[in-house]
Amino acid sequence: MELTLNDTGIAASATTAEQLKQFADRMENLLNEIEGLKSDLKDLKGEAKSAGFNIKALDRLVAIRRKDSADAESELLNDLLLYAHATGTRLDLAMPEGSEEAA
């Protein structure tokens, strides 16, 4: 394996240096794509706002839609319990098997 000195005086193989360059190039390309996508997202939100939509509500809707179903179900149950408590509504919920009610 041929070792060469890089600009910092550290010995590195040509294949390692090339691999590092490829990783750096790929990372740079991905970061550029992210910047472009952020700009596209900003433009999309501007369009939605111009159409009269509430951007905060739209952001929340998308966040909920992106969650997996277990997270969404858990959030729904938490909201239900909160609303029931706030309105003084008694809920009779079935407890999962293996759990015991606190006395």
PDB file of N, CA and C in Angstrom:
ATOM      1  N   MET A   1       0.849  -1.162   0.000  1.00  0.00           N
ATOM      2  CA  MET A   1       0.000   0.000   0.000  1.00  0.00           C
ATOM      3  C   MET A   1       0.900   1.231   0.000  1.00  0.00           C
ATOM      4  N   GLU A   2       0.612   2.147  -0.896  1.00  0.00           N
ATOM      5  CA  GLU A   2       1.423   3.352  -1.014  1.00  0.00           C
ATOM      6  C   GLU A   2       0.909   4.419  -0.060  1.00  0.00           C
ATOM      7  N   LEU A   3       1.787   4.975   0.748  1.00  0.00           N
ATOM      8  CA  LEU A   3       1.428   6.048   1.666  1.00  0.00           C
ATOM      9  C   LEU A   3       1.970   7.356   1.131  1.00  0.00           C
ATOM     10  N   THR A   4       1.156   8.386   1.242  1.00  0.00           N
ATOM     11  CA  THR A   4       1.583   9.719   0.826  1.00  0.00           C
ATOM     12  C   THR A   4       1.326  10.681   1.963  1.00  0.00           C
ATOM     13  N   LEU A   5       2.026  11.798   1.949  1.00  0.00           N
ATOM     14  CA  LEU A   5       1.788  12.833   2.951  1.00  0.00           C
ATOM     15  C   LEU A   5       0.761  13.806   2.403  1.00  0.00           C
ATOM     16  N   ASN A   6      -0.269  14.083   3.203  1.00  0.00           N
ATOM     17  CA  ASN A   6      -1.245  15.071   2.766  1.00  0.00           C
ATOM     18  C   ASN A   6      -0.783  16.459   3.191  1.00  0.00           C
ATOM     19  N   ASP A   7      -1.613  17.469   2.984  1.00  0.00           N
ATOM     20  CA  ASP A   7      -1.235  18.856   3.276  1.00  0.00           C
ATOM     21  C   ASP A   7      -0.870  19.072   4.739  1.00  0.00           C
ATOM     22  N   THR A   8      -1.393  18.257   5.636  1.00  0.00           N
ATOM     23  CA  THR A   8      -1.095  18.431   7.060  1.00  0.00           C
ATOM     24  C   THR A   8       0.104  17.603   7.496  1.00  0.00           C
ATOM     25  N   GLY A   9       0.708  16.862   6.561  1.00  0.00           N
ATOM     26  CA  GLY A   9       1.860  16.050   6.901  1.00  0.00           C
ATOM     27  C   GLY A   9       1.498  14.692   7.471  1.00  0.00           C
ATOM     28  N   ILE A  10       0.220  14.323   7.423  1.00  0.00           N
ATOM     29  CA  ILE A  10      -0.226  13.033   7.941  1.00  0.00           C
ATOM     30  C   ILE A  10      -0.200  12.023   6.805  1.00  0.00           C
ATOM     31  N   ALA A  11       0.373  10.874   7.074  1.00  0.00           N
ATOM     32  CA  ALA A  11       0.450   9.834   6.052  1.00  0.00           C
ATOM     33  C   ALA A  11      -0.920   9.213   5.845  1.00  0.00           C
ATOM     34  N   ALA A  12      -1.291   9.024   4.577  1.00  0.00           N
ATOM     35  CA  ALA A  12      -2.570   8.396   4.256  1.00  0.00           C
ATOM     36  C   ALA A  12      -2.411   7.642   2.951  1.00  0.00           C
ATOM     37  N   SER A  13      -3.143   6.558   2.810  1.00  0.00           N
ATOM     38  CA  SER A  13      -3.096   5.820   1.554  1.00  0.00           C
ATOM     39  C   SER A  13      -3.912   6.581   0.518  1.00  0.00           C
ATOM     40  N   ALA A  14      -3.590   6.367  -0.739  1.00  0.00           N
ATOM     41  CA  ALA A  14      -4.306   7.043  -1.813  1.00  0.00           C
ATOM     42  C   ALA A  14      -5.778   6.641  -1.809  1.00  0.00           C
ATOM     43  N   THR A  15      -6.068   5.374  -1.515  1.00  0.00           N
ATOM     44  CA  THR A  15      -7.463   4.935  -1.505  1.00  0.00           C
ATOM     45  C   THR A  15      -8.224   5.551  -0.343  1.00  0.00           C
ATOM     46  N   THR A  16      -7.574   5.697   0.804  1.00  0.00           N
ATOM     47  CA  THR A  16      -8.226   6.325   1.954  1.00  0.00           C
ATOM     48  C   THR A  16      -8.506   7.790   1.660  1.00  0.00           C
ATOM     49  N   ALA A  17      -7.549   8.459   1.056  1.00  0.00           N
ATOM     50  CA  ALA A  17      -7.733   9.868   0.714  1.00  0.00           C
ATOM     51  C   ALA A  17      -8.865  10.030  -0.292  1.00  0.00           C
ATOM     52  N   GLU A  18      -8.935   9.151  -1.271  1.00  0.00           N
ATOM     53  CA  GLU A  18      -9.999   9.218  -2.273  1.00  0.00           C
ATOM     54  C   GLU A  18     -11.357   8.936  -1.636  1.00  0.00           C
ATOM     55  N   GLN A  19     -11.389   7.958  -0.737  1.00  0.00           N
ATOM     56  CA  GLN A  19     -12.639   7.631  -0.052  1.00  0.00           C
ATOM     57  C   GLN A  19     -13.103   8.812   0.790  1.00  0.00           C
ATOM     58  N   LEU A  20     -12.182   9.451   1.496  1.00  0.00           N
ATOM     59  CA  LEU A  20     -12.522  10.620   2.299  1.00  0.00           C
ATOM     60  C   LEU A  20     -13.051  11.743   1.420  1.00  0.00           C
ATOM     61  N   LYS A  21     -12.420  11.955   0.273  1.00  0.00           N
ATOM     62  CA  LYS A  21     -12.870  12.988  -0.658  1.00  0.00           C
ATOM     63  C   LYS A  21     -14.284  12.679  -1.147  1.00  0.00           C
ATOM     64  N   GLN A  22     -14.556  11.409  -1.442  1.00  0.00           N
ATOM     65  CA  GLN A  22     -15.890  11.022  -1.902  1.00  0.00           C
ATOM     66  C   GLN A  22     -16.942  11.274  -0.821  1.00  0.00           C
ATOM     67  N   PHE A  23     -16.619  10.933   0.433  1.00  0.00           N
ATOM     68  CA  PHE A  23     -17.560  11.205   1.524  1.00  0.00           C
ATOM     69  C   PHE A  23     -17.811  12.701   1.656  1.00  0.00           C
ATOM     70  N   ALA A  24     -16.751  13.492   1.589  1.00  0.00           N
ATOM     71  CA  ALA A  24     -16.894  14.945   1.702  1.00  0.00           C
ATOM     72  C   ALA A  24     -17.739  15.494   0.557  1.00  0.00           C
ATOM     73  N   ASP A  25     -17.513  15.001  -0.659  1.00  0.00           N
ATOM     74  CA  ASP A  25     -18.293  15.447  -1.814  1.00  0.00           C
ATOM     75  C   ASP A  25     -19.768  15.088  -1.654  1.00  0.00           C
ATOM     76  N   ARG A  26     -20.034  13.852  -1.229  1.00  0.00           N
ATOM     77  CA  ARG A  26     -21.425  13.423  -1.034  1.00  0.00           C
ATOM     78  C   ARG A  26     -22.112  14.252   0.041  1.00  0.00           C
ATOM     79  N   MET A  27     -21.381  14.516   1.149  1.00  0.00           N
ATOM     80  CA  MET A  27     -21.954  15.310   2.230  1.00  0.00           C
ATOM     81  C   MET A  27     -22.271  16.721   1.740  1.00  0.00           C
ATOM     82  N   GLU A  28     -21.349  17.300   0.993  1.00  0.00           N
ATOM     83  CA  GLU A  28     -21.567  18.641   0.457  1.00  0.00           C
ATOM     84  C   GLU A  28     -22.788  18.666  -0.463  1.00  0.00           C
ATOM     85  N   ASN A  29     -22.919  17.651  -1.319  1.00  0.00           N
ATOM     86  CA  ASN A  29     -24.073  17.573  -2.219  1.00  0.00           C
ATOM     87  C   ASN A  29     -25.380  17.452  -1.444  1.00  0.00           C
ATOM     88  N   LEU A  30     -25.390  16.615  -0.410  1.00  0.00           N
ATOM     89  CA  LEU A  30     -26.601  16.458   0.402  1.00  0.00           C
ATOM     90  C   LEU A  30     -26.964  17.759   1.118  1.00  0.00           C
ATOM     91  N   LEU A  31     -25.969  18.447   1.646  1.00  0.00           N
ATOM     92  CA  LEU A  31     -26.237  19.722   2.317  1.00  0.00           C
ATOM     93  C   LEU A  31     -26.791  20.750   1.334  1.00  0.00           C
ATOM     94  N   ASN A  32     -26.289  20.749   0.105  1.00  0.00           N
ATOM     95  CA  ASN A  32     -26.827  21.651  -0.917  1.00  0.00           C
ATOM     96  C   ASN A  32     -28.273  21.292  -1.252  1.00  0.00           C
ATOM     97  N   GLU A  33     -28.564  19.994  -1.330  1.00  0.00           N
ATOM     98  CA  GLU A  33     -29.938  19.552  -1.583  1.00  0.00           C
ATOM     99  C   GLU A  33     -30.861  19.978  -0.449  1.00  0.00           C
ATOM    100  N   ILE A  34     -30.386  19.850   0.789  1.00  0.00           N
ATOM    101  CA  ILE A  34     -31.187  20.250   1.950  1.00  0.00           C
ATOM    102  C   ILE A  34     -31.507  21.737   1.880  1.00  0.00           C
ATOM    103  N   GLU A  35     -30.505  22.556   1.538  1.00  0.00           N
ATOM    104  CA  GLU A  35     -30.742  23.996   1.415  1.00  0.00           C
ATOM    105  C   GLU A  35     -31.807  24.273   0.364  1.00  0.00           C
ATOM    106  N   GLY A  36     -31.732  23.568  -0.761  1.00  0.00           N
ATOM    107  CA  GLY A  36     -32.725  23.734  -1.818  1.00  0.00           C
ATOM    108  C   GLY A  36     -34.110  23.310  -1.363  1.00  0.00           C
ATOM    109  N   LEU A  37     -34.186  22.203  -0.635  1.00  0.00           N
ATOM    110  CA  LEU A  37     -35.477  21.722  -0.137  1.00  0.00           C
ATOM    111  C   LEU A  37     -36.063  22.674   0.898  1.00  0.00           C
ATOM    112  N   LYS A  38     -35.205  23.252   1.742  1.00  0.00           N
ATOM    113  CA  LYS A  38     -35.690  24.234   2.719  1.00  0.00           C
ATOM    114  C   LYS A  38     -36.275  25.441   2.004  1.00  0.00           C
ATOM    115  N   SER A  39     -35.635  25.860   0.931  1.00  0.00           N
ATOM    116  CA  SER A  39     -36.141  26.980   0.143  1.00  0.00           C
ATOM    117  C   SER A  39     -37.483  26.615  -0.495  1.00  0.00           C
ATOM    118  N   ASP A  40     -37.583  25.390  -1.028  1.00  0.00           N
ATOM    119  CA  ASP A  40     -38.844  24.920  -1.615  1.00  0.00           C
ATOM    120  C   ASP A  40     -39.951  24.888  -0.569  1.00  0.00           C
ATOM    121  N   LEU A  41     -39.632  24.421   0.640  1.00  0.00           N
ATOM    122  CA  LEU A  41     -40.614  24.350   1.715  1.00  0.00           C
ATOM    123  C   LEU A  41     -41.083  25.747   2.110  1.00  0.00           C
ATOM    124  N   LYS A  42     -40.149  26.686   2.182  1.00  0.00           N
ATOM    125  CA  LYS A  42     -40.498  28.070   2.507  1.00  0.00           C
ATOM    126  C   LYS A  42     -41.436  28.641   1.442  1.00  0.00           C
ATOM    127  N   ASP A  43     -41.144  28.369   0.173  1.00  0.00           N
ATOM    128  CA  ASP A  43     -42.006  28.830  -0.916  1.00  0.00           C
ATOM    129  C   ASP A  43     -43.396  28.208  -0.819  1.00  0.00           C
ATOM    130  N   LEU A  44     -43.451  26.911  -0.514  1.00  0.00           N
ATOM    131  CA  LEU A  44     -44.731  26.212  -0.387  1.00  0.00           C
ATOM    132  C   LEU A  44     -45.569  26.808   0.738  1.00  0.00           C
ATOM    133  N   LYS A  45     -44.919  27.083   1.882  1.00  0.00           N
ATOM    134  CA  LYS A  45     -45.639  27.690   3.005  1.00  0.00           C
ATOM    135  C   LYS A  45     -46.143  29.078   2.627  1.00  0.00           C
ATOM    136  N   GLY A  46     -45.356  29.803   1.840  1.00  0.00           N
ATOM    137  CA  GLY A  46     -45.792  31.115   1.362  1.00  0.00           C
ATOM    138  C   GLY A  46     -47.025  31.005   0.481  1.00  0.00           C
ATOM    139  N   GLU A  47     -47.043  30.001  -0.385  1.00  0.00           N
ATOM    140  CA  GLU A  47     -48.208  29.766  -1.242  1.00  0.00           C
ATOM    141  C   GLU A  47     -49.435  29.437  -0.404  1.00  0.00           C
ATOM    142  N   ALA A  48     -49.265  28.562   0.581  1.00  0.00           N
ATOM    143  CA  ALA A  48     -50.387  28.172   1.439  1.00  0.00           C
ATOM    144  C   ALA A  48     -50.907  29.376   2.213  1.00  0.00           C
ATOM    145  N   LYS A  49     -49.996  30.207   2.707  1.00  0.00           N
ATOM    146  CA  LYS A  49     -50.397  31.400   3.452  1.00  0.00           C
ATOM    147  C   LYS A  49     -51.151  32.362   2.540  1.00  0.00           C
ATOM    148  N   SER A  50     -50.667  32.527   1.314  1.00  0.00           N
ATOM    149  CA  SER A  50     -51.342  33.403   0.351  1.00  0.00           C
ATOM    150  C   SER A  50     -52.738  32.895   0.015  1.00  0.00           C
ATOM    151  N   ALA A  51     -52.913  31.577   0.090  1.00  0.00           N
ATOM    152  CA  ALA A  51     -54.222  30.980  -0.180  1.00  0.00           C
ATOM    153  C   ALA A  51     -55.140  31.067   1.033  1.00  0.00           C
ATOM    154  N   GLY A  52     -54.627  31.640   2.144  1.00  0.00           N
ATOM    155  CA  GLY A  52     -55.457  31.853   3.319  1.00  0.00           C
ATOM    156  C   GLY A  52     -55.365  30.774   4.381  1.00  0.00           C
ATOM    157  N   PHE A  53     -54.421  29.856   4.257  1.00  0.00           N
ATOM    158  CA  PHE A  53     -54.306  28.787   5.238  1.00  0.00           C
ATOM    159  C   PHE A  53     -53.413  29.196   6.401  1.00  0.00           C
ATOM    160  N   ASN A  54     -53.719  28.654   7.582  1.00  0.00           N
ATOM    161  CA  ASN A  54     -52.942  28.891   8.796  1.00  0.00           C
ATOM    162  C   ASN A  54     -51.721  27.977   8.754  1.00  0.00           C
ATOM    163  N   ILE A  55     -50.547  28.568   8.659  1.00  0.00           N
ATOM    164  CA  ILE A  55     -49.322  27.792   8.495  1.00  0.00           C
ATOM    165  C   ILE A  55     -49.000  26.976   9.742  1.00  0.00           C
ATOM    166  N   LYS A  56     -49.246  27.537  10.932  1.00  0.00           N
ATOM    167  CA  LYS A  56     -48.976  26.780  12.159  1.00  0.00           C
ATOM    168  C   LYS A  56     -49.851  25.532  12.224  1.00  0.00           C
ATOM    169  N   ALA A  57     -51.116  25.677  11.841  1.00  0.00           N
ATOM    170  CA  ALA A  57     -52.020  24.523  11.841  1.00  0.00           C
ATOM    171  C   ALA A  57     -51.582  23.502  10.789  1.00  0.00           C
ATOM    172  N   LEU A  58     -51.149  23.991   9.641  1.00  0.00           N
ATOM    173  CA  LEU A  58     -50.677  23.099   8.585  1.00  0.00           C
ATOM    174  C   LEU A  58     -49.422  22.348   9.030  1.00  0.00           C
ATOM    175  N   ASP A  59     -48.499  23.061   9.694  1.00  0.00           N
ATOM    176  CA  ASP A  59     -47.297  22.410  10.231  1.00  0.00           C
ATOM    177  C   ASP A  59     -47.674  21.307  11.211  1.00  0.00           C
ATOM    178  N   ARG A  60     -48.636  21.596  12.082  1.00  0.00           N
ATOM    179  CA  ARG A  60     -49.062  20.615  13.094  1.00  0.00           C
ATOM    180  C   ARG A  60     -49.722  19.411  12.430  1.00  0.00           C
ATOM    181  N   LEU A  61     -50.561  19.672  11.426  1.00  0.00           N
ATOM    182  CA  LEU A  61     -51.220  18.589  10.696  1.00  0.00           C
ATOM    183  C   LEU A  61     -50.190  17.653  10.066  1.00  0.00           C
ATOM    184  N   VAL A  62     -49.190  18.233   9.428  1.00  0.00           N
ATOM    185  CA  VAL A  62     -48.156  17.426   8.778  1.00  0.00           C
ATOM    186  C   VAL A  62     -47.363  16.637   9.819  1.00  0.00           C
ATOM    187  N   ALA A  63     -47.069  17.257  10.959  1.00  0.00           N
ATOM    188  CA  ALA A  63     -46.340  16.555  12.022  1.00  0.00           C
ATOM    189  C   ALA A  63     -47.132  15.351  12.512  1.00  0.00           C
ATOM    190  N   ILE A  64     -48.433  15.529  12.673  1.00  0.00           N
ATOM    191  CA  ILE A  64     -49.284  14.424  13.127  1.00  0.00           C
ATOM    192  C   ILE A  64     -49.329  13.323  12.066  1.00  0.00           C
ATOM    193  N   ARG A  65     -49.457  13.717  10.812  1.00  0.00           N
ATOM    194  CA  ARG A  65     -49.525  12.725   9.739  1.00  0.00           C
ATOM    195  C   ARG A  65     -48.228  11.942   9.601  1.00  0.00           C
ATOM    196  N   ARG A  66     -47.101  12.558   9.947  1.00  0.00           N
ATOM    197  CA  ARG A  66     -45.801  11.892   9.817  1.00  0.00           C
ATOM    198  C   ARG A  66     -45.523  10.916  10.949  1.00  0.00           C
ATOM    199  N   LYS A  67     -46.208  11.075  12.073  1.00  0.00           N
ATOM    200  CA  LYS A  67     -45.996  10.163  13.200  1.00  0.00           C
ATOM    201  C   LYS A  67     -46.507   8.781  12.839  1.00  0.00           C
ATOM    202  N   ASP A  68     -45.911   7.768  13.441  1.00  0.00           N
ATOM    203  CA  ASP A  68     -46.443   6.435  13.199  1.00  0.00           C
ATOM    204  C   ASP A  68     -47.748   6.274  13.968  1.00  0.00           C
ATOM    205  N   SER A  69     -48.504   5.269  13.634  1.00  0.00           N
ATOM    206  CA  SER A  69     -49.847   5.110  14.187  1.00  0.00           C
ATOM    207  C   SER A  69     -49.848   4.940  15.698  1.00  0.00           C
ATOM    208  N   ALA A  70     -48.849   4.293  16.265  1.00  0.00           N
ATOM    209  CA  ALA A  70     -48.803   4.111  17.724  1.00  0.00           C
ATOM    210  C   ALA A  70     -48.657   5.453  18.425  1.00  0.00           C
ATOM    211  N   ASP A  71     -47.809   6.322  17.891  1.00  0.00           N
ATOM    212  CA  ASP A  71     -47.652   7.651  18.477  1.00  0.00           C
ATOM    213  C   ASP A  71     -48.939   8.452  18.345  1.00  0.00           C
ATOM    214  N   ALA A  72     -49.576   8.368  17.184  1.00  0.00           N
ATOM    215  CA  ALA A  72     -50.814   9.103  16.958  1.00  0.00           C
ATOM    216  C   ALA A  72     -51.910   8.609  17.901  1.00  0.00           C
ATOM    217  N   GLU A  73     -52.003   7.291  18.086  1.00  0.00           N
ATOM    218  CA  GLU A  73     -53.006   6.719  18.984  1.00  0.00           C
ATOM    219  C   GLU A  73     -52.750   7.151  20.422  1.00  0.00           C
ATOM    220  N   SER A  74     -51.504   7.151  20.828  1.00  0.00           N
ATOM    221  CA  SER A  74     -51.133   7.579  22.176  1.00  0.00           C
ATOM    222  C   SER A  74     -51.492   9.044  22.390  1.00  0.00           C
ATOM    223  N   GLU A  75     -51.191   9.873  21.395  1.00  0.00           N
ATOM    224  CA  GLU A  75     -51.518  11.296  21.500  1.00  0.00           C
ATOM    225  C   GLU A  75     -53.032  11.495  21.581  1.00  0.00           C
ATOM    226  N   LEU A  76     -53.777  10.736  20.789  1.00  0.00           N
ATOM    227  CA  LEU A  76     -55.230  10.824  20.816  1.00  0.00           C
ATOM    228  C   LEU A  76     -55.770  10.442  22.191  1.00  0.00           C
ATOM    229  N   LEU A  77     -55.248   9.368  22.768  1.00  0.00           N
ATOM    230  CA  LEU A  77     -55.687   8.935  24.090  1.00  0.00           C
ATOM    231  C   LEU A  77     -55.364   9.998  25.140  1.00  0.00           C
ATOM    232  N   ASN A  78     -54.162  10.564  25.077  1.00  0.00           N
ATOM    233  CA  ASN A  78     -53.792  11.623  26.024  1.00  0.00           C
ATOM    234  C   ASN A  78     -54.724  12.823  25.915  1.00  0.00           C
ATOM    235  N   ASP A  79     -55.046  13.220  24.678  1.00  0.00           N
ATOM    236  CA  ASP A  79     -55.968  14.341  24.484  1.00  0.00           C
ATOM    237  C   ASP A  79     -57.355  14.004  25.026  1.00  0.00           C
ATOM    238  N   LEU A  80     -57.813  12.773  24.775  1.00  0.00           N
ATOM    239  CA  LEU A  80     -59.116  12.347  25.278  1.00  0.00           C
ATOM    240  C   LEU A  80     -59.161  12.420  26.801  1.00  0.00           C
ATOM    241  N   LEU A  81     -58.118  11.918  27.462  1.00  0.00           N
ATOM    242  CA  LEU A  81     -58.065  11.966  28.927  1.00  0.00           C
ATOM    243  C   LEU A  81     -58.036  13.406  29.431  1.00  0.00           C
ATOM    244  N   LEU A  82     -57.286  14.258  28.768  1.00  0.00           N
ATOM    245  CA  LEU A  82     -57.215  15.668  29.147  1.00  0.00           C
ATOM    246  C   LEU A  82     -58.582  16.331  29.012  1.00  0.00           C
ATOM    247  N   TYR A  83     -59.250  16.104  27.893  1.00  0.00           N
ATOM    248  CA  TYR A  83     -60.561  16.713  27.666  1.00  0.00           C
ATOM    249  C   TYR A  83     -61.593  16.180  28.654  1.00  0.00           C
ATOM    250  N   ALA A  84     -61.550  14.878  28.921  1.00  0.00           N
ATOM    251  CA  ALA A  84     -62.493  14.291  29.870  1.00  0.00           C
ATOM    252  C   ALA A  84     -62.288  14.897  31.250  1.00  0.00           C
ATOM    253  N   HIS A  85     -61.045  15.031  31.670  1.00  0.00           N
ATOM    254  CA  HIS A  85     -60.743  15.627  32.975  1.00  0.00           C
ATOM    255  C   HIS A  85     -61.205  17.085  33.020  1.00  0.00           C
ATOM    256  N   ALA A  86     -60.934  17.826  31.958  1.00  0.00           N
ATOM    257  CA  ALA A  86     -61.292  19.247  31.919  1.00  0.00           C
ATOM    258  C   ALA A  86     -62.800  19.458  31.972  1.00  0.00           C
ATOM    259  N   THR A  87     -63.560  18.513  31.435  1.00  0.00           N
ATOM    260  CA  THR A  87     -65.016  18.655  31.424  1.00  0.00           C
ATOM    261  C   THR A  87     -65.701  17.882  32.535  1.00  0.00           C
ATOM    262  N   GLY A  88     -64.910  17.198  33.375  1.00  0.00           N
ATOM    263  CA  GLY A  88     -65.488  16.431  34.472  1.00  0.00           C
ATOM    264  C   GLY A  88     -66.183  15.165  34.011  1.00  0.00           C
ATOM    265  N   THR A  89     -65.824  14.684  32.843  1.00  0.00           N
ATOM    266  CA  THR A  89     -66.433  13.483  32.281  1.00  0.00           C
ATOM    267  C   THR A  89     -65.690  12.252  32.775  1.00  0.00           C
ATOM    268  N   ARG A  90     -66.449  11.287  33.312  1.00  0.00           N
ATOM    269  CA  ARG A  90     -65.841  10.048  33.793  1.00  0.00           C
ATOM    270  C   ARG A  90     -65.689   9.100  32.616  1.00  0.00           C
ATOM    271  N   LEU A  91     -64.508   8.542  32.498  1.00  0.00           N
ATOM    272  CA  LEU A  91     -64.248   7.572  31.437  1.00  0.00           C
ATOM    273  C   LEU A  91     -64.019   6.208  32.054  1.00  0.00           C
ATOM    274  N   ASP A  92     -64.660   5.202  31.523  1.00  0.00           N
ATOM    275  CA  ASP A  92     -64.411   3.825  31.926  1.00  0.00           C
ATOM    276  C   ASP A  92     -63.596   3.186  30.811  1.00  0.00           C
ATOM    277  N   LEU A  93     -62.286   3.191  30.998  1.00  0.00           N
ATOM    278  CA  LEU A  93     -61.393   2.641  29.983  1.00  0.00           C
ATOM    279  C   LEU A  93     -60.930   1.263  30.401  1.00  0.00           C
ATOM    280  N   ALA A  94     -60.889   0.362  29.455  1.00  0.00           N
ATOM    281  CA  ALA A  94     -60.368  -0.980  29.723  1.00  0.00           C
ATOM    282  C   ALA A  94     -58.866  -0.875  29.904  1.00  0.00           C
ATOM    283  N   MET A  95     -58.354  -1.488  30.963  1.00  0.00           N
ATOM    284  CA  MET A  95     -56.919  -1.480  31.230  1.00  0.00           C
ATOM    285  C   MET A  95     -56.284  -2.628  30.456  1.00  0.00           C
ATOM    286  N   PRO A  96     -55.102  -2.429  29.900  1.00  0.00           N
ATOM    287  CA  PRO A  96     -54.419  -3.524  29.199  1.00  0.00           C
ATOM    288  C   PRO A  96     -54.164  -4.686  30.152  1.00  0.00           C
ATOM    289  N   GLU A  97     -54.143  -5.894  29.600  1.00  0.00           N
ATOM    290  CA  GLU A  97     -53.888  -7.073  30.425  1.00  0.00           C
ATOM    291  C   GLU A  97     -52.549  -6.946  31.112  1.00  0.00           C
ATOM    292  N   GLY A  98     -52.487  -7.377  32.371  1.00  0.00           N
ATOM    293  CA  GLY A  98     -51.241  -7.337  33.120  1.00  0.00           C
ATOM    294  C   GLY A  98     -51.056  -6.070  33.919  1.00  0.00           C
ATOM    295  N   SER A  99     -51.872  -5.049  33.648  1.00  0.00           N
ATOM    296  CA  SER A  99     -51.744  -3.823  34.444  1.00  0.00           C
ATOM    297  C   SER A  99     -52.799  -3.851  35.532  1.00  0.00           C
ATOM    298  N   GLU A 100     -52.476  -3.228  36.643  1.00  0.00           N
ATOM    299  CA  GLU A 100     -53.399  -3.201  37.766  1.00  0.00           C
ATOM    300  C   GLU A 100     -53.814  -1.773  38.027  1.00  0.00           C
ATOM    301  N   GLU A 101     -55.092  -1.578  38.358  1.00  0.00           N
ATOM    302  CA  GLU A 101     -55.575  -0.240  38.696  1.00  0.00           C
ATOM    303  C   GLU A 101     -55.040   0.172  40.041  1.00  0.00           C
ATOM    304  N   ALA A 102     -54.683   1.439  40.141  1.00  0.00           N
ATOM    305  CA  ALA A 102     -54.230   1.970  41.436  1.00  0.00           C
ATOM    306  C   ALA A 102     -55.448   2.144  42.321  1.00  0.00           C
ATOM    307  N   ALA A 103     -55.335   1.695  43.546  1.00  0.00           N
ATOM    308  CA  ALA A 103     -56.477   1.782  44.462  1.00  0.00           C
ATOM    309  C   ALA A 103     -56.458   3.078  45.222  1.00  0.00           C
TER     310      ALA A 103
END
